Amino acid sequence: MIHEILTVGALQCNCSILGDETSGEAIVVDPGDDIPRILAVLARHKLTVKQILITHAHIDHIAGAARLKAVTGAPILYNQNDLPLVKMMDVQAGWLGIATPDVRPPDDTLEDGRIISITGLTGSILHTPGHTQGSVCLYIPAHKLLLAGDTLFAGSVGRTDLPGGNGAALIRSIHNKLLPLPDSTVVIAGHGPKTTIGEERKTNPFLA
C-alpha cells in the first residue's frame, strides 16, 4: 500500500493519500487545502483517485474537496449528520479569517460499518460522534491502520466546544469503537504525530 501524509492548510490538517501499487487506484482522506501538492503526489505515484473521504465537515478537513473533485471526478463521501456544519461554512471561514470555500453535500454518506474499497485496498467506517455529530474514522485492518480524524490524538482527544460537539459522546465513541482495536493499530490523527491504540490506551489522560 502507498500511504503518504501531507499536512495541509493553515491548521496543518493531516491529509492521507492511500493507493494500491498494482491497480493504481487511490483514496484521498481530508483534502482540506493545498490541492496542487496533493495532485503532485498522485501524479508521482501514477494514482487515479476513486474516492474523496472526509472524516468530518470542519473547514480545515473539507475545504479542498470540491476542488479535488473538479480535477479528478471522484465522489465526495462524508456522514450526512455533518450537513449542519456545511451550511455554516461561512461562519467557519470567519473563525479563520479566510474566504468561504465551495463545500457541497456529499455524493454519498458514510454510515457506521460501511465498507470502503478500491482495487487492492479495503477498510471500514467507524462512526465516532463527539467532535462533530458526523465524525467518522477509517479502519484498514490488513495494514493495522486507523485514520482517526479529530476523534483521537496522540495524548489527547478532539475538542468538543464547537457546534455539534459533545464531550460525553466523544469519550463513548473512543471507548466503544476505537479502543477495542488491536494495540498495534497505528493511529493517524487529523493533526499532529502518529500514535498507536495501545499507547493511547495506556497513557492518554483523557481516557483514564
C-alpha atoms as a PDB file:
ATOM      1  CA  MET A   1       0.000   0.000   0.000  1.00  0.00           C
ATOM      2  CA  ILE A   2       1.096   3.528  -0.777  1.00  0.00           C
ATOM      3  CA  HIS A   3       0.413   5.886   2.113  1.00  0.00           C
ATOM      4  CA  GLU A   4       1.560   9.480   2.055  1.00  0.00           C
ATOM      5  CA  ILE A   5       0.552  12.059   4.652  1.00  0.00           C
ATOM      6  CA  LEU A   6       0.561  15.744   3.757  1.00  0.00           C
ATOM      7  CA  THR A   7      -0.028  18.492   6.315  1.00  0.00           C
ATOM      8  CA  VAL A   8      -2.291  20.932   4.503  1.00  0.00           C
ATOM      9  CA  GLY A   9      -3.783  24.342   5.173  1.00  0.00           C
ATOM     10  CA  ALA A  10      -3.358  26.905   7.905  1.00  0.00           C
ATOM     11  CA  LEU A  11      -4.320  24.427  10.645  1.00  0.00           C
ATOM     12  CA  GLN A  12      -1.943  21.710   9.366  1.00  0.00           C
ATOM     13  CA  CYS A  13      -4.556  19.030   8.773  1.00  0.00           C
ATOM     14  CA  ASN A  14      -3.158  15.559   8.065  1.00  0.00           C
ATOM     15  CA  CYS A  15      -4.363  14.601   4.585  1.00  0.00           C
ATOM     16  CA  SER A  16      -3.791  10.920   3.738  1.00  0.00           C
ATOM     17  CA  ILE A  17      -3.299   9.574   0.236  1.00  0.00           C
ATOM     18  CA  LEU A  18      -3.931   5.826   0.168  1.00  0.00           C
ATOM     19  CA  GLY A  19      -3.084   3.952  -3.001  1.00  0.00           C
ATOM     20  CA  ASP A  20      -2.621   0.462  -4.385  1.00  0.00           C
ATOM     21  CA  GLU A  21       0.604  -0.005  -6.330  1.00  0.00           C
ATOM     22  CA  THR A  22      -0.843  -2.651  -8.654  1.00  0.00           C
ATOM     23  CA  SER A  23      -4.199  -1.150  -9.592  1.00  0.00           C
ATOM     24  CA  GLY A  24      -3.133   2.489  -9.405  1.00  0.00           C
ATOM     25  CA  GLU A  25      -6.358   3.362  -7.595  1.00  0.00           C
ATOM     26  CA  ALA A  26      -6.412   5.772  -4.647  1.00  0.00           C
ATOM     27  CA  ILE A  27      -8.488   7.271  -1.839  1.00  0.00           C
ATOM     28  CA  VAL A  28      -7.761  10.784  -0.580  1.00  0.00           C
ATOM     29  CA  VAL A  29      -8.788  11.464   3.013  1.00  0.00           C
ATOM     30  CA  ASP A  30      -9.370  15.023   4.296  1.00  0.00           C
ATOM     31  CA  PRO A  31      -8.058  17.209   1.446  1.00  0.00           C
ATOM     32  CA  GLY A  32      -8.505  20.411   3.416  1.00  0.00           C
ATOM     33  CA  ASP A  33      -6.274  22.568   1.211  1.00  0.00           C
ATOM     34  CA  ASP A  34      -3.100  22.581  -0.906  1.00  0.00           C
ATOM     35  CA  ILE A  35      -4.720  20.670  -3.759  1.00  0.00           C
ATOM     36  CA  PRO A  36      -1.737  21.189  -6.112  1.00  0.00           C
ATOM     37  CA  ARG A  37       0.512  19.363  -3.620  1.00  0.00           C
ATOM     38  CA  ILE A  38      -1.984  16.503  -3.367  1.00  0.00           C
ATOM     39  CA  LEU A  39      -2.198  16.252  -7.150  1.00  0.00           C
ATOM     40  CA  ALA A  40       1.591  16.208  -7.405  1.00  0.00           C
ATOM     41  CA  VAL A  41       1.807  13.214  -5.060  1.00  0.00           C
ATOM     42  CA  LEU A  42      -0.910  11.415  -7.006  1.00  0.00           C
ATOM     43  CA  ALA A  43       0.925  12.076 -10.256  1.00  0.00           C
ATOM     44  CA  ARG A  44       4.256  10.909  -8.850  1.00  0.00           C
ATOM     45  CA  HIS A  45       2.729   7.562  -7.888  1.00  0.00           C
ATOM     46  CA  LYS A  46       0.573   7.428 -11.058  1.00  0.00           C
ATOM     47  CA  LEU A  47      -2.589   7.127  -8.964  1.00  0.00           C
ATOM     48  CA  THR A  48      -6.206   7.674 -10.009  1.00  0.00           C
ATOM     49  CA  VAL A  49      -8.497   8.959  -7.255  1.00  0.00           C
ATOM     50  CA  LYS A  50     -11.623   6.830  -6.867  1.00  0.00           C
ATOM     51  CA  GLN A  51     -12.981   8.321  -3.636  1.00  0.00           C
ATOM     52  CA  ILE A  52     -12.572  11.506  -1.611  1.00  0.00           C
ATOM     53  CA  LEU A  53     -13.335  10.704   2.026  1.00  0.00           C
ATOM     54  CA  ILE A  54     -13.971  13.381   4.664  1.00  0.00           C
ATOM     55  CA  THR A  55     -13.737  12.426   8.343  1.00  0.00           C
ATOM     56  CA  HIS A  56     -15.842  15.426   9.405  1.00  0.00           C
ATOM     57  CA  ALA A  57     -17.064  18.697   7.965  1.00  0.00           C
ATOM     58  CA  HIS A  58     -14.813  21.207   9.666  1.00  0.00           C
ATOM     59  CA  ILE A  59     -13.339  23.646   7.185  1.00  0.00           C
ATOM     60  CA  ASP A  60      -9.726  22.508   7.637  1.00  0.00           C
ATOM     61  CA  HIS A  61     -10.654  18.959   6.562  1.00  0.00           C
ATOM     62  CA  ILE A  62     -13.196  19.579   3.795  1.00  0.00           C
ATOM     63  CA  ALA A  63     -12.370  22.935   2.180  1.00  0.00           C
ATOM     64  CA  GLY A  64     -10.423  21.494  -0.760  1.00  0.00           C
ATOM     65  CA  ALA A  65     -12.687  18.543  -1.520  1.00  0.00           C
ATOM     66  CA  ALA A  66     -14.742  20.222  -4.257  1.00  0.00           C
ATOM     67  CA  ARG A  67     -11.563  21.448  -5.975  1.00  0.00           C
ATOM     68  CA  LEU A  68     -10.100  17.933  -5.893  1.00  0.00           C
ATOM     69  CA  LYS A  69     -13.346  16.505  -7.264  1.00  0.00           C
ATOM     70  CA  ALA A  70     -13.321  19.058 -10.085  1.00  0.00           C
ATOM     71  CA  VAL A  71      -9.936  17.748 -11.242  1.00  0.00           C
ATOM     72  CA  THR A  72     -10.398  14.013 -10.579  1.00  0.00           C
ATOM     73  CA  GLY A  73     -14.145  13.443 -10.909  1.00  0.00           C
ATOM     74  CA  ALA A  74     -14.060  11.312  -7.748  1.00  0.00           C
ATOM     75  CA  PRO A  75     -17.134  11.335  -5.478  1.00  0.00           C
ATOM     76  CA  ILE A  76     -17.014  13.054  -2.089  1.00  0.00           C
ATOM     77  CA  LEU A  77     -18.135  10.952   0.881  1.00  0.00           C
ATOM     78  CA  TYR A  78     -18.890  12.110   4.417  1.00  0.00           C
ATOM     79  CA  ASN A  79     -21.514  11.486   7.089  1.00  0.00           C
ATOM     80  CA  GLN A  80     -24.725  13.420   6.490  1.00  0.00           C
ATOM     81  CA  ASN A  81     -25.006  14.282  10.199  1.00  0.00           C
ATOM     82  CA  ASP A  82     -22.403  16.974   9.479  1.00  0.00           C
ATOM     83  CA  LEU A  83     -24.585  18.800   6.944  1.00  0.00           C
ATOM     84  CA  PRO A  84     -25.422  21.491   9.545  1.00  0.00           C
ATOM     85  CA  LEU A  85     -21.704  22.314   9.662  1.00  0.00           C
ATOM     86  CA  VAL A  86     -21.610  22.601   5.873  1.00  0.00           C
ATOM     87  CA  LYS A  87     -24.499  25.060   5.990  1.00  0.00           C
ATOM     88  CA  MET A  88     -22.442  27.275   8.309  1.00  0.00           C
ATOM     89  CA  MET A  89     -19.246  27.146   6.238  1.00  0.00           C
ATOM     90  CA  ASP A  90     -19.272  30.956   6.048  1.00  0.00           C
ATOM     91  CA  VAL A  91     -19.175  31.065   9.854  1.00  0.00           C
ATOM     92  CA  GLN A  92     -16.343  28.532   9.909  1.00  0.00           C
ATOM     93  CA  ALA A  93     -14.419  30.628   7.384  1.00  0.00           C
ATOM     94  CA  GLY A  94     -14.945  33.627   9.639  1.00  0.00           C
ATOM     95  CA  TRP A  95     -13.233  31.803  12.507  1.00  0.00           C
ATOM     96  CA  LEU A  96     -10.078  31.644  10.400  1.00  0.00           C
ATOM     97  CA  GLY A  97     -10.498  34.946   8.575  1.00  0.00           C
ATOM     98  CA  ILE A  98     -10.490  33.319   5.148  1.00  0.00           C
ATOM     99  CA  ALA A  99     -12.804  33.276   2.134  1.00  0.00           C
ATOM    100  CA  THR A 100     -15.702  30.818   2.266  1.00  0.00           C
ATOM    101  CA  PRO A 101     -14.817  27.702   0.256  1.00  0.00           C
ATOM    102  CA  ASP A 102     -17.168  25.868  -2.084  1.00  0.00           C
ATOM    103  CA  VAL A 103     -18.431  22.947   0.020  1.00  0.00           C
ATOM    104  CA  ARG A 104     -21.325  20.814  -1.164  1.00  0.00           C
ATOM    105  CA  PRO A 105     -23.466  17.973   0.198  1.00  0.00           C
ATOM    106  CA  PRO A 106     -21.809  14.566  -0.087  1.00  0.00           C
ATOM    107  CA  ASP A 107     -22.208  12.386  -3.151  1.00  0.00           C
ATOM    108  CA  ASP A 108     -22.756   9.532  -0.711  1.00  0.00           C
ATOM    109  CA  THR A 109     -22.870   9.230   3.066  1.00  0.00           C
ATOM    110  CA  LEU A 110     -20.509   7.362   5.382  1.00  0.00           C
ATOM    111  CA  GLU A 111     -22.507   5.240   7.797  1.00  0.00           C
ATOM    112  CA  ASP A 112     -21.099   3.063  10.570  1.00  0.00           C
ATOM    113  CA  GLY A 113     -19.873  -0.252   9.193  1.00  0.00           C
ATOM    114  CA  ARG A 114     -19.765   0.864   5.569  1.00  0.00           C
ATOM    115  CA  ILE A 115     -17.051  -0.913   3.581  1.00  0.00           C
ATOM    116  CA  ILE A 116     -14.720   1.418   1.701  1.00  0.00           C
ATOM    117  CA  SER A 117     -12.761  -0.280  -1.057  1.00  0.00           C
ATOM    118  CA  ILE A 118     -10.666   0.274  -4.127  1.00  0.00           C
ATOM    119  CA  THR A 119      -8.936  -2.486  -6.046  1.00  0.00           C
ATOM    120  CA  GLY A 120      -6.327  -3.866  -3.646  1.00  0.00           C
ATOM    121  CA  LEU A 121      -7.389  -1.963  -0.531  1.00  0.00           C
ATOM    122  CA  THR A 122     -10.363  -2.370   1.815  1.00  0.00           C
ATOM    123  CA  GLY A 123     -11.373  -0.600   5.009  1.00  0.00           C
ATOM    124  CA  SER A 124     -14.460   0.077   7.101  1.00  0.00           C
ATOM    125  CA  ILE A 125     -16.097   3.174   8.512  1.00  0.00           C
ATOM    126  CA  LEU A 126     -16.421   3.679  12.265  1.00  0.00           C
ATOM    127  CA  HIS A 127     -18.957   6.387  13.143  1.00  0.00           C
ATOM    128  CA  THR A 128     -17.461   8.197  16.149  1.00  0.00           C
ATOM    129  CA  PRO A 129     -19.671  11.172  17.045  1.00  0.00           C
ATOM    130  CA  GLY A 130     -18.409  13.637  19.613  1.00  0.00           C
ATOM    131  CA  HIS A 131     -16.004  16.047  17.916  1.00  0.00           C
ATOM    132  CA  THR A 132     -18.844  16.548  15.451  1.00  0.00           C
ATOM    133  CA  GLN A 133     -22.096  14.627  15.065  1.00  0.00           C
ATOM    134  CA  GLY A 134     -20.914  13.063  11.826  1.00  0.00           C
ATOM    135  CA  SER A 135     -17.283  12.316  12.711  1.00  0.00           C
ATOM    136  CA  VAL A 136     -16.010   9.045  11.268  1.00  0.00           C
ATOM    137  CA  CYS A 137     -12.757   7.084  11.264  1.00  0.00           C
ATOM    138  CA  LEU A 138     -11.428   4.785   8.541  1.00  0.00           C
ATOM    139  CA  TYR A 139     -10.001   1.459   9.754  1.00  0.00           C
ATOM    140  CA  ILE A 140      -7.874  -0.654   7.413  1.00  0.00           C
ATOM    141  CA  PRO A 141      -7.309  -3.957   9.260  1.00  0.00           C
ATOM    142  CA  ALA A 142      -4.896  -5.519   6.758  1.00  0.00           C
ATOM    143  CA  HIS A 143      -2.439  -2.700   7.416  1.00  0.00           C
ATOM    144  CA  LYS A 144      -3.310  -2.153  11.103  1.00  0.00           C
ATOM    145  CA  LEU A 145      -4.095   1.474  10.278  1.00  0.00           C
ATOM    146  CA  LEU A 146      -6.699   3.876  11.670  1.00  0.00           C
ATOM    147  CA  LEU A 147      -7.313   7.292  10.157  1.00  0.00           C
ATOM    148  CA  ALA A 148      -8.936   8.893  13.181  1.00  0.00           C
ATOM    149  CA  GLY A 149      -9.816  12.376  12.013  1.00  0.00           C
ATOM    150  CA  ASP A 150     -10.156  14.653  15.043  1.00  0.00           C
ATOM    151  CA  THR A 151     -11.628  11.957  17.297  1.00  0.00           C
ATOM    152  CA  LEU A 152      -8.357  10.744  18.857  1.00  0.00           C
ATOM    153  CA  PHE A 153      -4.927  12.369  19.016  1.00  0.00           C
ATOM    154  CA  ALA A 154      -1.563  11.399  20.436  1.00  0.00           C
ATOM    155  CA  GLY A 155      -2.085  12.125  24.132  1.00  0.00           C
ATOM    156  CA  SER A 156      -5.360  13.937  23.593  1.00  0.00           C
ATOM    157  CA  VAL A 157      -8.864  13.800  22.126  1.00  0.00           C
ATOM    158  CA  GLY A 158     -10.878  16.034  19.827  1.00  0.00           C
ATOM    159  CA  ARG A 159     -12.261  19.315  21.119  1.00  0.00           C
ATOM    160  CA  THR A 160     -15.984  19.411  21.784  1.00  0.00           C
ATOM    161  CA  ASP A 161     -16.623  23.137  22.283  1.00  0.00           C
ATOM    162  CA  LEU A 162     -17.555  23.831  18.651  1.00  0.00           C
ATOM    163  CA  PRO A 163     -21.073  23.419  17.168  1.00  0.00           C
ATOM    164  CA  GLY A 164     -22.092  19.767  17.153  1.00  0.00           C
ATOM    165  CA  GLY A 165     -19.534  18.778  19.779  1.00  0.00           C
ATOM    166  CA  ASN A 166     -20.411  16.526  22.715  1.00  0.00           C
ATOM    167  CA  GLY A 167     -17.772  15.518  25.241  1.00  0.00           C
ATOM    168  CA  ALA A 168     -19.558  12.505  26.679  1.00  0.00           C
ATOM    169  CA  ALA A 169     -20.338  11.183  23.197  1.00  0.00           C
ATOM    170  CA  LEU A 170     -16.699  11.605  22.150  1.00  0.00           C
ATOM    171  CA  ILE A 171     -15.329   9.548  25.052  1.00  0.00           C
ATOM    172  CA  ARG A 172     -18.045   6.952  24.495  1.00  0.00           C
ATOM    173  CA  SER A 173     -17.103   6.713  20.802  1.00  0.00           C
ATOM    174  CA  ILE A 174     -13.434   6.220  21.609  1.00  0.00           C
ATOM    175  CA  HIS A 175     -14.110   3.555  24.237  1.00  0.00           C
ATOM    176  CA  ASN A 176     -16.709   1.689  22.171  1.00  0.00           C
ATOM    177  CA  LYS A 177     -15.241   1.953  18.669  1.00  0.00           C
ATOM    178  CA  LEU A 178     -11.503   2.648  18.850  1.00  0.00           C
ATOM    179  CA  LEU A 179     -10.073   1.084  21.994  1.00  0.00           C
ATOM    180  CA  PRO A 180     -11.339  -2.414  21.032  1.00  0.00           C
ATOM    181  CA  LEU A 181      -8.952  -2.309  18.036  1.00  0.00           C
ATOM    182  CA  PRO A 182      -5.605  -4.151  18.367  1.00  0.00           C
ATOM    183  CA  ASP A 183      -2.950  -2.343  20.417  1.00  0.00           C
ATOM    184  CA  SER A 184      -0.590  -2.391  17.428  1.00  0.00           C
ATOM    185  CA  THR A 185      -3.014  -0.348  15.287  1.00  0.00           C
ATOM    186  CA  VAL A 186      -1.247   2.796  14.038  1.00  0.00           C
ATOM    187  CA  VAL A 187      -3.380   5.906  14.526  1.00  0.00           C
ATOM    188  CA  ILE A 188      -3.078   8.821  12.114  1.00  0.00           C
ATOM    189  CA  ALA A 189      -4.880  11.704  13.763  1.00  0.00           C
ATOM    190  CA  GLY A 190      -6.313  14.716  11.982  1.00  0.00           C
ATOM    191  CA  HIS A 191      -3.434  16.822  13.288  1.00  0.00           C
ATOM    192  CA  GLY A 192      -0.076  16.126  14.884  1.00  0.00           C
ATOM    193  CA  PRO A 193       2.040  12.973  15.195  1.00  0.00           C
ATOM    194  CA  LYS A 194       1.028   9.369  14.751  1.00  0.00           C
ATOM    195  CA  THR A 195       0.461   7.067  17.716  1.00  0.00           C
ATOM    196  CA  THR A 196      -0.969   3.608  18.416  1.00  0.00           C
ATOM    197  CA  ILE A 197      -4.129   2.349  20.072  1.00  0.00           C
ATOM    198  CA  GLY A 198      -2.015   0.590  22.717  1.00  0.00           C
ATOM    199  CA  GLU A 199      -0.108   3.768  23.551  1.00  0.00           C
ATOM    200  CA  GLU A 200      -3.299   5.787  23.935  1.00  0.00           C
ATOM    201  CA  ARG A 201      -4.953   3.072  25.987  1.00  0.00           C
ATOM    202  CA  LYS A 202      -2.040   3.174  28.441  1.00  0.00           C
ATOM    203  CA  THR A 203      -1.107   6.858  28.568  1.00  0.00           C
ATOM    204  CA  ASN A 204      -3.854   9.121  27.234  1.00  0.00           C
ATOM    205  CA  PRO A 205      -5.023  11.149  30.267  1.00  0.00           C
ATOM    206  CA  PHE A 206      -8.468  11.755  28.741  1.00  0.00           C
ATOM    207  CA  LEU A 207      -9.200   8.025  28.584  1.00  0.00           C
ATOM    208  CA  ALA A 208      -8.409   7.082  32.165  1.00  0.00           C
END
